[in-house]
Amino acid sequence: MDHSEEENMTQISAFILLGFGNLHGFFLFGIFLGMYVVTLLGNLLILIVISLDRNLQTPMYFFLSNFSFLEIWYTTSIAPKMLQTLLVGPQVISFVGCVVQFYFFGSMAVAECFLLAAMSYDRYLAICSPLQYPSLMNLHMCVLLASGSWLGGFLTPVVTVAMTFQLPFCATYKIDHFFCDLAPVLKLACSDTEIVEKTTFLLASFVTMVPFLLTVASYIHIVAAVLRIPSAAGKQRAFSTCSSHLTVVTLYYGTLGTVYAIPAATQAAVLNKIFSLFYTVVTPMVNPIVYSLRNKDVQKAVRRLMSHWASAKGSSGNIYWC
């Protein structure tokens, strides 16, 4: 490496997110802005309803409130810059901004894997050990599982971030993506990235496959337990308590798996960006819709909340929450 290359490496203070190239304008911006707003409002509604309705003060909805809170920050780590690229085209992101976006998105993605596993474990205990469920899934256990998910999410990406952004970037500063993702960033490095790739692969395999396998194992036991229920009504009630979570798990791992199953040679292709949109934008928007449309308890709580709000408007201003 010559002296000029070393100077170029030290001068890089920003990257350019190419986004979708020439594919931008008010129409696309409006569509994805609407999706982002729906994501925020949907998850905020779930948080408000769970916090105000005493009937939802259970472990299942404790985890759901954590999940909704996570989804807000998960999509917010990507949406602002993405919307700018959709409105006016490629956007500059500072080196520090790229590091922060890379870290927080990775943190939220890892925490989501752990939270989905915790939620599946909760459903496993509720269906397979209903008598012991109140003592097994107590407040201490709920807090332990949730805090472990958040802590694991925030700690796991530290190694990858440190290794990735200490690399020399001397080839170009244009990231062919709409956010600072690992593969497009590594393509800018002018040194060997094999160690970073292998380390990241091992970490990513652990934090995705272990929670995924735990989730699958939980649902195998759940299905086996439900099939032993003699009445059809009982089976339906049991399945209804975990159908929303199963749908969310399928959407998340399905879209995430599709993206990272694409060969590395085509990681910067338009197809890759489209699939990335699904797990960064579409899935977080669909999740609160799934939990509200397929969950009768949430639907009833929303109606009670609206009823209290409507009656409070006509009263002297004293609001009595349920």
C-alpha atoms as a PDB file:
ATOM      1  CA  MET A   1       0.000   0.000   0.000  1.00  0.00           C
ATOM      2  CA  ASP A   2       1.549   3.301  -1.058  1.00  0.00           C
ATOM      3  CA  HIS A   3       1.500   6.697   0.655  1.00  0.00           C
ATOM      4  CA  SER A   4      -1.378   8.075  -1.458  1.00  0.00           C
ATOM      5  CA  GLU A   5      -3.640   5.171  -0.519  1.00  0.00           C
ATOM      6  CA  GLU A   6      -2.906   5.757   3.166  1.00  0.00           C
ATOM      7  CA  GLU A   7      -3.875   9.422   2.766  1.00  0.00           C
ATOM      8  CA  ASN A   8      -7.137   8.446   1.058  1.00  0.00           C
ATOM      9  CA  MET A   9      -7.974   6.108   3.927  1.00  0.00           C
ATOM     10  CA  THR A  10      -7.545   8.801   6.563  1.00  0.00           C
ATOM     11  CA  GLN A  11      -9.583  11.367   4.612  1.00  0.00           C
ATOM     12  CA  ILE A  12     -12.821   9.362   4.387  1.00  0.00           C
ATOM     13  CA  SER A  13     -15.250  11.059   6.762  1.00  0.00           C
ATOM     14  CA  ALA A  14     -18.501  10.197   4.990  1.00  0.00           C
ATOM     15  CA  PHE A  15     -20.152   7.704   2.665  1.00  0.00           C
ATOM     16  CA  ILE A  16     -22.811   8.101  -0.003  1.00  0.00           C
ATOM     17  CA  LEU A  17     -25.874   5.876   0.213  1.00  0.00           C
ATOM     18  CA  LEU A  18     -26.855   5.238  -3.400  1.00  0.00           C
ATOM     19  CA  GLY A  19     -30.297   4.011  -2.364  1.00  0.00           C
ATOM     20  CA  PHE A  20     -32.272   2.987  -5.435  1.00  0.00           C
ATOM     21  CA  GLY A  21     -30.291   5.092  -7.888  1.00  0.00           C
ATOM     22  CA  ASN A  22     -32.577   6.932 -10.289  1.00  0.00           C
ATOM     23  CA  LEU A  23     -35.645   5.288  -8.789  1.00  0.00           C
ATOM     24  CA  HIS A  24     -36.917   8.089  -6.560  1.00  0.00           C
ATOM     25  CA  GLY A  25     -39.597  10.768  -6.383  1.00  0.00           C
ATOM     26  CA  PHE A  26     -42.633  11.944  -4.422  1.00  0.00           C
ATOM     27  CA  PHE A  27     -44.706   8.876  -5.286  1.00  0.00           C
ATOM     28  CA  LEU A  28     -42.294   6.318  -3.805  1.00  0.00           C
ATOM     29  CA  PHE A  29     -41.467   8.672  -0.948  1.00  0.00           C
ATOM     30  CA  GLY A  30     -45.163   8.992  -0.109  1.00  0.00           C
ATOM     31  CA  ILE A  31     -45.726   5.232  -0.155  1.00  0.00           C
ATOM     32  CA  PHE A  32     -42.845   4.437   2.194  1.00  0.00           C
ATOM     33  CA  LEU A  33     -43.509   7.433   4.411  1.00  0.00           C
ATOM     34  CA  GLY A  34     -47.052   6.120   4.832  1.00  0.00           C
ATOM     35  CA  MET A  35     -45.705   2.677   5.704  1.00  0.00           C
ATOM     36  CA  TYR A  36     -43.357   4.173   8.266  1.00  0.00           C
ATOM     37  CA  VAL A  37     -46.179   6.186   9.851  1.00  0.00           C
ATOM     38  CA  VAL A  38     -48.391   3.078   9.995  1.00  0.00           C
ATOM     39  CA  THR A  39     -45.535   1.195  11.686  1.00  0.00           C
ATOM     40  CA  LEU A  40     -45.081   3.901  14.311  1.00  0.00           C
ATOM     41  CA  LEU A  41     -48.800   4.386  14.993  1.00  0.00           C
ATOM     42  CA  GLY A  42     -49.562   0.649  15.032  1.00  0.00           C
ATOM     43  CA  ASN A  43     -46.831  -0.182  17.516  1.00  0.00           C
ATOM     44  CA  LEU A  44     -47.558   2.896  19.636  1.00  0.00           C
ATOM     45  CA  LEU A  45     -51.223   1.861  19.781  1.00  0.00           C
ATOM     46  CA  ILE A  46     -50.240  -1.600  21.031  1.00  0.00           C
ATOM     47  CA  LEU A  47     -47.957  -0.066  23.672  1.00  0.00           C
ATOM     48  CA  ILE A  48     -50.686   2.312  24.868  1.00  0.00           C
ATOM     49  CA  VAL A  49     -53.408  -0.339  24.945  1.00  0.00           C
ATOM     50  CA  ILE A  50     -51.264  -2.842  26.860  1.00  0.00           C
ATOM     51  CA  SER A  51     -50.164  -0.223  29.387  1.00  0.00           C
ATOM     52  CA  LEU A  52     -53.730   1.009  30.039  1.00  0.00           C
ATOM     53  CA  ASP A  53     -55.774  -2.205  29.968  1.00  0.00           C
ATOM     54  CA  ARG A  54     -55.469  -4.342  33.104  1.00  0.00           C
ATOM     55  CA  ASN A  55     -56.713  -7.397  31.216  1.00  0.00           C
ATOM     56  CA  LEU A  56     -53.510  -7.311  29.189  1.00  0.00           C
ATOM     57  CA  GLN A  57     -51.161  -7.200  32.173  1.00  0.00           C
ATOM     58  CA  THR A  58     -49.901 -10.723  31.475  1.00  0.00           C
ATOM     59  CA  PRO A  59     -46.511 -12.176  30.447  1.00  0.00           C
ATOM     60  CA  MET A  60     -47.661 -12.621  26.847  1.00  0.00           C
ATOM     61  CA  TYR A  61     -48.456  -8.924  26.461  1.00  0.00           C
ATOM     62  CA  PHE A  62     -45.439  -7.871  28.487  1.00  0.00           C
ATOM     63  CA  PHE A  63     -43.290  -9.454  25.781  1.00  0.00           C
ATOM     64  CA  LEU A  64     -45.501  -7.995  23.049  1.00  0.00           C
ATOM     65  CA  SER A  65     -45.017  -4.487  24.458  1.00  0.00           C
ATOM     66  CA  ASN A  66     -41.244  -5.039  24.412  1.00  0.00           C
ATOM     67  CA  PHE A  67     -41.532  -6.291  20.856  1.00  0.00           C
ATOM     68  CA  SER A  68     -43.572  -3.277  19.712  1.00  0.00           C
ATOM     69  CA  PHE A  69     -41.117  -0.890  21.355  1.00  0.00           C
ATOM     70  CA  LEU A  70     -38.269  -2.675  19.589  1.00  0.00           C
ATOM     71  CA  GLU A  71     -40.036  -2.521  16.210  1.00  0.00           C
ATOM     72  CA  ILE A  72     -40.314   1.265  16.478  1.00  0.00           C
ATOM     73  CA  TRP A  73     -36.552   1.662  16.860  1.00  0.00           C
ATOM     74  CA  TYR A  74     -35.773  -1.171  14.444  1.00  0.00           C
ATOM     75  CA  THR A  75     -37.429   0.595  11.528  1.00  0.00           C
ATOM     76  CA  THR A  76     -36.461   4.092  12.733  1.00  0.00           C
ATOM     77  CA  SER A  77     -32.779   3.186  12.469  1.00  0.00           C
ATOM     78  CA  ILE A  78     -33.311   2.752   8.709  1.00  0.00           C
ATOM     79  CA  ALA A  79     -36.304   4.837   7.638  1.00  0.00           C
ATOM     80  CA  PRO A  80     -35.072   8.489   7.794  1.00  0.00           C
ATOM     81  CA  LYS A  81     -32.114   8.058   5.420  1.00  0.00           C
ATOM     82  CA  MET A  82     -34.051   5.631   3.252  1.00  0.00           C
ATOM     83  CA  LEU A  83     -36.859   8.171   2.838  1.00  0.00           C
ATOM     84  CA  GLN A  84     -34.338  10.828   1.847  1.00  0.00           C
ATOM     85  CA  THR A  85     -32.917   8.584  -0.875  1.00  0.00           C
ATOM     86  CA  LEU A  86     -36.439   7.836  -2.106  1.00  0.00           C
ATOM     87  CA  LEU A  87     -37.241  11.551  -2.255  1.00  0.00           C
ATOM     88  CA  VAL A  88     -34.142  13.076  -3.861  1.00  0.00           C
ATOM     89  CA  GLY A  89     -31.737  10.235  -4.651  1.00  0.00           C
ATOM     90  CA  PRO A  90     -28.313   9.318  -3.179  1.00  0.00           C
ATOM     91  CA  GLN A  91     -27.584  10.795   0.238  1.00  0.00           C
ATOM     92  CA  VAL A  92     -24.443  11.532   2.223  1.00  0.00           C
ATOM     93  CA  ILE A  93     -24.107   9.798   5.572  1.00  0.00           C
ATOM     94  CA  SER A  94     -21.203  10.630   7.851  1.00  0.00           C
ATOM     95  CA  PHE A  95     -18.732   7.941   8.854  1.00  0.00           C
ATOM     96  CA  VAL A  96     -19.973   8.146  12.448  1.00  0.00           C
ATOM     97  CA  GLY A  97     -23.586   8.123  11.241  1.00  0.00           C
ATOM     98  CA  CYS A  98     -22.920   4.977   9.240  1.00  0.00           C
ATOM     99  CA  VAL A  99     -21.343   3.292  12.262  1.00  0.00           C
ATOM    100  CA  VAL A 100     -24.293   4.257  14.476  1.00  0.00           C
ATOM    101  CA  GLN A 101     -26.866   3.079  11.930  1.00  0.00           C
ATOM    102  CA  PHE A 102     -24.969  -0.181  11.379  1.00  0.00           C
ATOM    103  CA  TYR A 103     -24.750  -0.813  15.124  1.00  0.00           C
ATOM    104  CA  PHE A 104     -28.323   0.042  16.087  1.00  0.00           C
ATOM    105  CA  PHE A 105     -29.889  -1.864  13.231  1.00  0.00           C
ATOM    106  CA  GLY A 106     -27.778  -4.909  14.098  1.00  0.00           C
ATOM    107  CA  SER A 107     -28.670  -4.548  17.774  1.00  0.00           C
ATOM    108  CA  MET A 108     -32.391  -4.390  17.082  1.00  0.00           C
ATOM    109  CA  ALA A 109     -32.224  -7.349  14.680  1.00  0.00           C
ATOM    110  CA  VAL A 110     -30.429  -9.530  17.253  1.00  0.00           C
ATOM    111  CA  ALA A 111     -32.725  -8.428  20.080  1.00  0.00           C
ATOM    112  CA  GLU A 112     -35.730  -9.296  17.903  1.00  0.00           C
ATOM    113  CA  CYS A 113     -34.462 -12.845  17.416  1.00  0.00           C
ATOM    114  CA  PHE A 114     -34.062 -13.264  21.181  1.00  0.00           C
ATOM    115  CA  LEU A 115     -37.451 -11.686  21.945  1.00  0.00           C
ATOM    116  CA  LEU A 116     -39.238 -13.937  19.444  1.00  0.00           C
ATOM    117  CA  ALA A 117     -37.633 -16.934  21.160  1.00  0.00           C
ATOM    118  CA  ALA A 118     -38.699 -15.633  24.594  1.00  0.00           C
ATOM    119  CA  MET A 119     -42.256 -15.172  23.324  1.00  0.00           C
ATOM    120  CA  SER A 120     -42.322 -18.721  21.944  1.00  0.00           C
ATOM    121  CA  TYR A 121     -41.067 -20.037  25.296  1.00  0.00           C
ATOM    122  CA  ASP A 122     -43.875 -18.147  27.026  1.00  0.00           C
ATOM    123  CA  ARG A 123     -46.459 -19.779  24.725  1.00  0.00           C
ATOM    124  CA  TYR A 124     -44.828 -23.174  25.262  1.00  0.00           C
ATOM    125  CA  LEU A 125     -45.209 -22.906  29.038  1.00  0.00           C
ATOM    126  CA  ALA A 126     -48.759 -21.547  28.769  1.00  0.00           C
ATOM    127  CA  ILE A 127     -49.948 -24.441  26.595  1.00  0.00           C
ATOM    128  CA  CYS A 128     -47.758 -27.337  27.707  1.00  0.00           C
ATOM    129  CA  SER A 129     -47.581 -26.535  31.445  1.00  0.00           C
ATOM    130  CA  PRO A 130     -50.719 -24.491  32.199  1.00  0.00           C
ATOM    131  CA  LEU A 131     -50.806 -25.380  35.906  1.00  0.00           C
ATOM    132  CA  GLN A 132     -47.199 -24.392  36.539  1.00  0.00           C
ATOM    133  CA  TYR A 133     -47.323 -21.427  34.135  1.00  0.00           C
ATOM    134  CA  PRO A 134     -48.104 -18.697  36.728  1.00  0.00           C
ATOM    135  CA  SER A 135     -45.176 -19.738  38.917  1.00  0.00           C
ATOM    136  CA  LEU A 136     -42.748 -20.449  36.057  1.00  0.00           C
ATOM    137  CA  MET A 137     -43.454 -17.316  34.030  1.00  0.00           C
ATOM    138  CA  ASN A 138     -43.537 -14.851  36.933  1.00  0.00           C
ATOM    139  CA  LEU A 139     -42.510 -11.196  36.839  1.00  0.00           C
ATOM    140  CA  HIS A 140     -38.890 -12.022  37.646  1.00  0.00           C
ATOM    141  CA  MET A 141     -38.650 -14.479  34.736  1.00  0.00           C
ATOM    142  CA  CYS A 142     -40.354 -12.027  32.335  1.00  0.00           C
ATOM    143  CA  VAL A 143     -37.920  -9.253  33.234  1.00  0.00           C
ATOM    144  CA  LEU A 144     -34.983 -11.652  33.028  1.00  0.00           C
ATOM    145  CA  LEU A 145     -35.907 -12.878  29.539  1.00  0.00           C
ATOM    146  CA  ALA A 146     -36.682  -9.390  28.220  1.00  0.00           C
ATOM    147  CA  SER A 147     -33.564  -7.764  29.670  1.00  0.00           C
ATOM    148  CA  GLY A 148     -31.447 -10.662  28.406  1.00  0.00           C
ATOM    149  CA  SER A 149     -32.857 -10.140  24.914  1.00  0.00           C
ATOM    150  CA  TRP A 150     -32.053  -6.420  24.975  1.00  0.00           C
ATOM    151  CA  LEU A 151     -28.613  -6.937  26.497  1.00  0.00           C
ATOM    152  CA  GLY A 152     -27.746  -9.642  23.990  1.00  0.00           C
ATOM    153  CA  GLY A 153     -28.904  -7.368  21.188  1.00  0.00           C
ATOM    154  CA  PHE A 154     -26.751  -4.444  22.262  1.00  0.00           C
ATOM    155  CA  LEU A 155     -23.625  -6.482  22.991  1.00  0.00           C
ATOM    156  CA  THR A 156     -23.507  -8.861  20.017  1.00  0.00           C
ATOM    157  CA  PRO A 157     -22.804  -6.354  17.180  1.00  0.00           C
ATOM    158  CA  VAL A 158     -19.936  -4.644  19.039  1.00  0.00           C
ATOM    159  CA  VAL A 159     -17.298  -7.026  17.689  1.00  0.00           C
ATOM    160  CA  THR A 160     -18.556  -6.827  14.105  1.00  0.00           C
ATOM    161  CA  VAL A 161     -18.800  -3.032  14.196  1.00  0.00           C
ATOM    162  CA  ALA A 162     -15.300  -2.659  15.652  1.00  0.00           C
ATOM    163  CA  MET A 163     -13.767  -5.029  13.107  1.00  0.00           C
ATOM    164  CA  THR A 164     -15.657  -3.626  10.120  1.00  0.00           C
ATOM    165  CA  PHE A 165     -15.048   0.071  10.602  1.00  0.00           C
ATOM    166  CA  GLN A 166     -11.372  -0.252  11.443  1.00  0.00           C
ATOM    167  CA  LEU A 167     -10.821  -1.568   7.898  1.00  0.00           C
ATOM    168  CA  PRO A 168      -9.149   0.753   5.386  1.00  0.00           C
ATOM    169  CA  PHE A 169     -11.693   2.179   2.928  1.00  0.00           C
ATOM    170  CA  CYS A 170      -9.669   3.380  -0.016  1.00  0.00           C
ATOM    171  CA  ALA A 171     -11.498   2.102  -3.092  1.00  0.00           C
ATOM    172  CA  THR A 172     -14.683   4.162  -3.029  1.00  0.00           C
ATOM    173  CA  TYR A 173     -17.073   5.686  -0.522  1.00  0.00           C
ATOM    174  CA  LYS A 174     -20.328   4.857  -2.369  1.00  0.00           C
ATOM    175  CA  ILE A 175     -22.504   2.278  -0.588  1.00  0.00           C
ATOM    176  CA  ASP A 176     -24.787   0.561  -3.107  1.00  0.00           C
ATOM    177  CA  HIS A 177     -27.659   0.174  -0.677  1.00  0.00           C
ATOM    178  CA  PHE A 178     -30.219   2.280   1.191  1.00  0.00           C
ATOM    179  CA  PHE A 179     -28.574   1.723   4.580  1.00  0.00           C
ATOM    180  CA  CYS A 180     -25.192   0.757   6.021  1.00  0.00           C
ATOM    181  CA  ASP A 181     -25.472  -3.012   5.841  1.00  0.00           C
ATOM    182  CA  LEU A 182     -22.533  -5.369   6.277  1.00  0.00           C
ATOM    183  CA  ALA A 183     -22.064  -6.727   2.749  1.00  0.00           C
ATOM    184  CA  PRO A 184     -22.149  -3.370   0.901  1.00  0.00           C
ATOM    185  CA  VAL A 185     -19.828  -1.763   3.465  1.00  0.00           C
ATOM    186  CA  LEU A 186     -17.296  -4.598   3.268  1.00  0.00           C
ATOM    187  CA  LYS A 187     -17.169  -4.199  -0.514  1.00  0.00           C
ATOM    188  CA  LEU A 188     -15.614  -0.760   0.009  1.00  0.00           C
ATOM    189  CA  ALA A 189     -12.656  -2.116   1.974  1.00  0.00           C
ATOM    190  CA  CYS A 190      -9.312  -2.354   0.210  1.00  0.00           C
ATOM    191  CA  SER A 191      -7.874  -4.963   2.552  1.00  0.00           C
ATOM    192  CA  ASP A 192      -8.681  -8.596   3.191  1.00  0.00           C
ATOM    193  CA  THR A 193     -12.099  -8.939   4.862  1.00  0.00           C
ATOM    194  CA  GLU A 194     -12.025 -12.698   5.364  1.00  0.00           C
ATOM    195  CA  ILE A 195     -11.547 -12.521   9.142  1.00  0.00           C
ATOM    196  CA  VAL A 196     -14.404 -10.022   9.502  1.00  0.00           C
ATOM    197  CA  GLU A 197     -16.692 -12.141   7.325  1.00  0.00           C
ATOM    198  CA  LYS A 198     -15.941 -15.380   9.175  1.00  0.00           C
ATOM    199  CA  THR A 199     -16.296 -13.763  12.602  1.00  0.00           C
ATOM    200  CA  THR A 200     -19.567 -12.115  11.607  1.00  0.00           C
ATOM    201  CA  PHE A 201     -20.852 -15.376  10.135  1.00  0.00           C
ATOM    202  CA  LEU A 202     -20.174 -17.232  13.379  1.00  0.00           C
ATOM    203  CA  LEU A 203     -21.827 -14.534  15.500  1.00  0.00           C
ATOM    204  CA  ALA A 204     -24.795 -14.191  13.137  1.00  0.00           C
ATOM    205  CA  SER A 205     -25.252 -17.963  13.026  1.00  0.00           C
ATOM    206  CA  PHE A 206     -25.348 -18.143  16.813  1.00  0.00           C
ATOM    207  CA  VAL A 207     -27.729 -15.218  17.419  1.00  0.00           C
ATOM    208  CA  THR A 208     -30.136 -16.273  14.672  1.00  0.00           C
ATOM    209  CA  MET A 209     -30.012 -20.066  14.597  1.00  0.00           C
ATOM    210  CA  VAL A 210     -30.074 -20.664  18.366  1.00  0.00           C
ATOM    211  CA  PRO A 211     -33.227 -18.517  18.937  1.00  0.00           C
ATOM    212  CA  PHE A 212     -34.752 -19.926  15.748  1.00  0.00           C
ATOM    213  CA  LEU A 213     -34.161 -23.534  16.797  1.00  0.00           C
ATOM    214  CA  LEU A 214     -35.521 -22.790  20.276  1.00  0.00           C
ATOM    215  CA  THR A 215     -38.607 -21.278  18.653  1.00  0.00           C
ATOM    216  CA  VAL A 216     -39.050 -24.318  16.390  1.00  0.00           C
ATOM    217  CA  ALA A 217     -38.594 -26.680  19.345  1.00  0.00           C
ATOM    218  CA  SER A 218     -41.206 -24.738  21.347  1.00  0.00           C
ATOM    219  CA  TYR A 219     -43.738 -24.994  18.540  1.00  0.00           C
ATOM    220  CA  ILE A 220     -43.085 -28.699  18.020  1.00  0.00           C
ATOM    221  CA  HIS A 221     -44.028 -29.263  21.666  1.00  0.00           C
ATOM    222  CA  ILE A 222     -46.969 -26.843  21.349  1.00  0.00           C
ATOM    223  CA  VAL A 223     -48.365 -28.652  18.298  1.00  0.00           C
ATOM    224  CA  ALA A 224     -47.933 -32.021  19.992  1.00  0.00           C
ATOM    225  CA  ALA A 225     -49.753 -30.755  23.096  1.00  0.00           C
ATOM    226  CA  VAL A 226     -52.575 -29.190  21.094  1.00  0.00           C
ATOM    227  CA  LEU A 227     -53.149 -32.361  19.066  1.00  0.00           C
ATOM    228  CA  ARG A 228     -53.717 -34.223  22.328  1.00  0.00           C
ATOM    229  CA  ILE A 229     -56.616 -31.908  23.228  1.00  0.00           C
ATOM    230  CA  PRO A 230     -59.804 -33.910  22.574  1.00  0.00           C
ATOM    231  CA  SER A 231     -62.200 -31.110  21.593  1.00  0.00           C
ATOM    232  CA  ALA A 232     -61.938 -29.056  18.397  1.00  0.00           C
ATOM    233  CA  ALA A 233     -62.890 -25.916  20.319  1.00  0.00           C
ATOM    234  CA  GLY A 234     -60.053 -26.502  22.768  1.00  0.00           C
ATOM    235  CA  LYS A 235     -57.582 -26.952  19.946  1.00  0.00           C
ATOM    236  CA  GLN A 236     -58.762 -23.738  18.318  1.00  0.00           C
ATOM    237  CA  ARG A 237     -58.417 -21.772  21.549  1.00  0.00           C
ATOM    238  CA  ALA A 238     -54.911 -23.108  22.110  1.00  0.00           C
ATOM    239  CA  PHE A 239     -53.764 -22.318  18.578  1.00  0.00           C
ATOM    240  CA  SER A 240     -55.319 -18.851  18.687  1.00  0.00           C
ATOM    241  CA  THR A 241     -53.051 -17.855  21.587  1.00  0.00           C
ATOM    242  CA  CYS A 242     -49.929 -18.312  19.466  1.00  0.00           C
ATOM    243  CA  SER A 243     -51.099 -17.853  15.854  1.00  0.00           C
ATOM    244  CA  SER A 244     -50.117 -14.174  15.754  1.00  0.00           C
ATOM    245  CA  HIS A 245     -46.643 -14.885  17.090  1.00  0.00           C
ATOM    246  CA  LEU A 246     -46.168 -17.775  14.655  1.00  0.00           C
ATOM    247  CA  THR A 247     -47.143 -15.509  11.760  1.00  0.00           C
ATOM    248  CA  VAL A 248     -44.635 -12.858  12.846  1.00  0.00           C
ATOM    249  CA  VAL A 249     -41.876 -15.461  13.264  1.00  0.00           C
ATOM    250  CA  THR A 250     -42.557 -16.813   9.776  1.00  0.00           C
ATOM    251  CA  LEU A 251     -42.497 -13.347   8.213  1.00  0.00           C
ATOM    252  CA  TYR A 252     -39.322 -12.265   9.987  1.00  0.00           C
ATOM    253  CA  TYR A 253     -37.190 -15.348   9.471  1.00  0.00           C
ATOM    254  CA  GLY A 254     -38.621 -15.920   6.002  1.00  0.00           C
ATOM    255  CA  THR A 255     -37.636 -12.499   4.654  1.00  0.00           C
ATOM    256  CA  LEU A 256     -34.350 -12.350   6.586  1.00  0.00           C
ATOM    257  CA  GLY A 257     -33.385 -15.821   5.406  1.00  0.00           C
ATOM    258  CA  THR A 258     -34.210 -14.973   1.808  1.00  0.00           C
ATOM    259  CA  VAL A 259     -31.898 -11.955   1.848  1.00  0.00           C
ATOM    260  CA  TYR A 260     -28.912 -13.731   3.349  1.00  0.00           C
ATOM    261  CA  ALA A 261     -29.407 -16.829   1.192  1.00  0.00           C
ATOM    262  CA  ILE A 262     -28.657 -14.697  -1.873  1.00  0.00           C
ATOM    263  CA  PRO A 263     -25.113 -15.368  -3.107  1.00  0.00           C
ATOM    264  CA  ALA A 264     -22.538 -12.748  -2.144  1.00  0.00           C
ATOM    265  CA  ALA A 265     -21.881 -11.926  -5.793  1.00  0.00           C
ATOM    266  CA  THR A 266     -25.367 -10.486  -6.138  1.00  0.00           C
ATOM    267  CA  GLN A 267     -25.630  -8.824  -2.725  1.00  0.00           C
ATOM    268  CA  ALA A 268     -25.765  -5.330  -4.249  1.00  0.00           C
ATOM    269  CA  ALA A 269     -28.395  -6.195  -6.864  1.00  0.00           C
ATOM    270  CA  VAL A 270     -31.800  -4.540  -7.006  1.00  0.00           C
ATOM    271  CA  LEU A 271     -33.397  -7.849  -5.974  1.00  0.00           C
ATOM    272  CA  ASN A 272     -31.385  -7.824  -2.767  1.00  0.00           C
ATOM    273  CA  LYS A 273     -32.564  -4.305  -1.971  1.00  0.00           C
ATOM    274  CA  ILE A 274     -36.179  -5.290  -2.569  1.00  0.00           C
ATOM    275  CA  PHE A 275     -35.922  -8.229  -0.167  1.00  0.00           C
ATOM    276  CA  SER A 276     -34.129  -5.989   2.333  1.00  0.00           C
ATOM    277  CA  LEU A 277     -37.128  -3.637   2.199  1.00  0.00           C
ATOM    278  CA  PHE A 278     -39.327  -6.476   3.380  1.00  0.00           C
ATOM    279  CA  TYR A 279     -37.511  -7.179   6.629  1.00  0.00           C
ATOM    280  CA  THR A 280     -36.591  -3.540   7.350  1.00  0.00           C
ATOM    281  CA  VAL A 281     -39.857  -1.799   6.403  1.00  0.00           C
ATOM    282  CA  VAL A 282     -42.697  -4.123   5.416  1.00  0.00           C
ATOM    283  CA  THR A 283     -42.445  -6.686   8.234  1.00  0.00           C
ATOM    284  CA  PRO A 284     -42.334  -4.071  11.053  1.00  0.00           C
ATOM    285  CA  MET A 285     -45.469  -2.514   9.526  1.00  0.00           C
ATOM    286  CA  VAL A 286     -47.295  -5.838   9.197  1.00  0.00           C
ATOM    287  CA  ASN A 287     -46.513  -7.042  12.734  1.00  0.00           C
ATOM    288  CA  PRO A 288     -48.830  -4.650  14.649  1.00  0.00           C
ATOM    289  CA  ILE A 289     -51.537  -5.295  12.042  1.00  0.00           C
ATOM    290  CA  VAL A 290     -51.205  -9.042  12.618  1.00  0.00           C
ATOM    291  CA  TYR A 291     -51.357  -8.644  16.399  1.00  0.00           C
ATOM    292  CA  SER A 292     -54.390  -6.358  16.202  1.00  0.00           C
ATOM    293  CA  LEU A 293     -56.375  -8.204  13.533  1.00  0.00           C
ATOM    294  CA  ARG A 294     -55.686 -11.747  14.738  1.00  0.00           C
ATOM    295  CA  ASN A 295     -55.792 -11.109  18.485  1.00  0.00           C
ATOM    296  CA  LYS A 296     -59.253 -10.794  19.982  1.00  0.00           C
ATOM    297  CA  ASP A 297     -57.936  -9.610  23.363  1.00  0.00           C
ATOM    298  CA  VAL A 298     -56.165  -6.666  21.730  1.00  0.00           C
ATOM    299  CA  GLN A 299     -59.242  -5.879  19.632  1.00  0.00           C
ATOM    300  CA  LYS A 300     -61.453  -5.841  22.741  1.00  0.00           C
ATOM    301  CA  ALA A 301     -58.928  -3.690  24.604  1.00  0.00           C
ATOM    302  CA  VAL A 302     -58.834  -1.179  21.735  1.00  0.00           C
ATOM    303  CA  ARG A 303     -62.642  -0.988  21.734  1.00  0.00           C
ATOM    304  CA  ARG A 304     -62.698  -0.461  25.500  1.00  0.00           C
ATOM    305  CA  LEU A 305     -60.048   2.233  25.197  1.00  0.00           C
ATOM    306  CA  MET A 306     -61.988   4.001  22.447  1.00  0.00           C
ATOM    307  CA  SER A 307     -65.183   3.714  24.457  1.00  0.00           C
ATOM    308  CA  HIS A 308     -63.555   5.271  27.534  1.00  0.00           C
ATOM    309  CA  TRP A 309     -62.003   7.990  25.403  1.00  0.00           C
ATOM    310  CA  ALA A 310     -65.339   8.783  23.724  1.00  0.00           C
ATOM    311  CA  SER A 311     -67.203   8.898  27.033  1.00  0.00           C
ATOM    312  CA  ALA A 312     -64.475  11.027  28.588  1.00  0.00           C
ATOM    313  CA  LYS A 313     -64.817  13.622  25.826  1.00  0.00           C
ATOM    314  CA  GLY A 314     -68.425  14.162  26.783  1.00  0.00           C
ATOM    315  CA  SER A 315     -67.733  14.340  30.511  1.00  0.00           C
ATOM    316  CA  SER A 316     -66.043  16.959  32.651  1.00  0.00           C
ATOM    317  CA  GLY A 317     -62.628  15.748  31.560  1.00  0.00           C
ATOM    318  CA  ASN A 318     -62.036  13.040  34.157  1.00  0.00           C
ATOM    319  CA  ILE A 319     -60.808   9.902  32.396  1.00  0.00           C
ATOM    320  CA  TYR A 320     -61.266   6.520  34.034  1.00  0.00           C
ATOM    321  CA  TRP A 321     -59.099   3.939  32.362  1.00  0.00           C
ATOM    322  CA  CYS A 322     -60.045   0.289  32.389  1.00  0.00           C
END
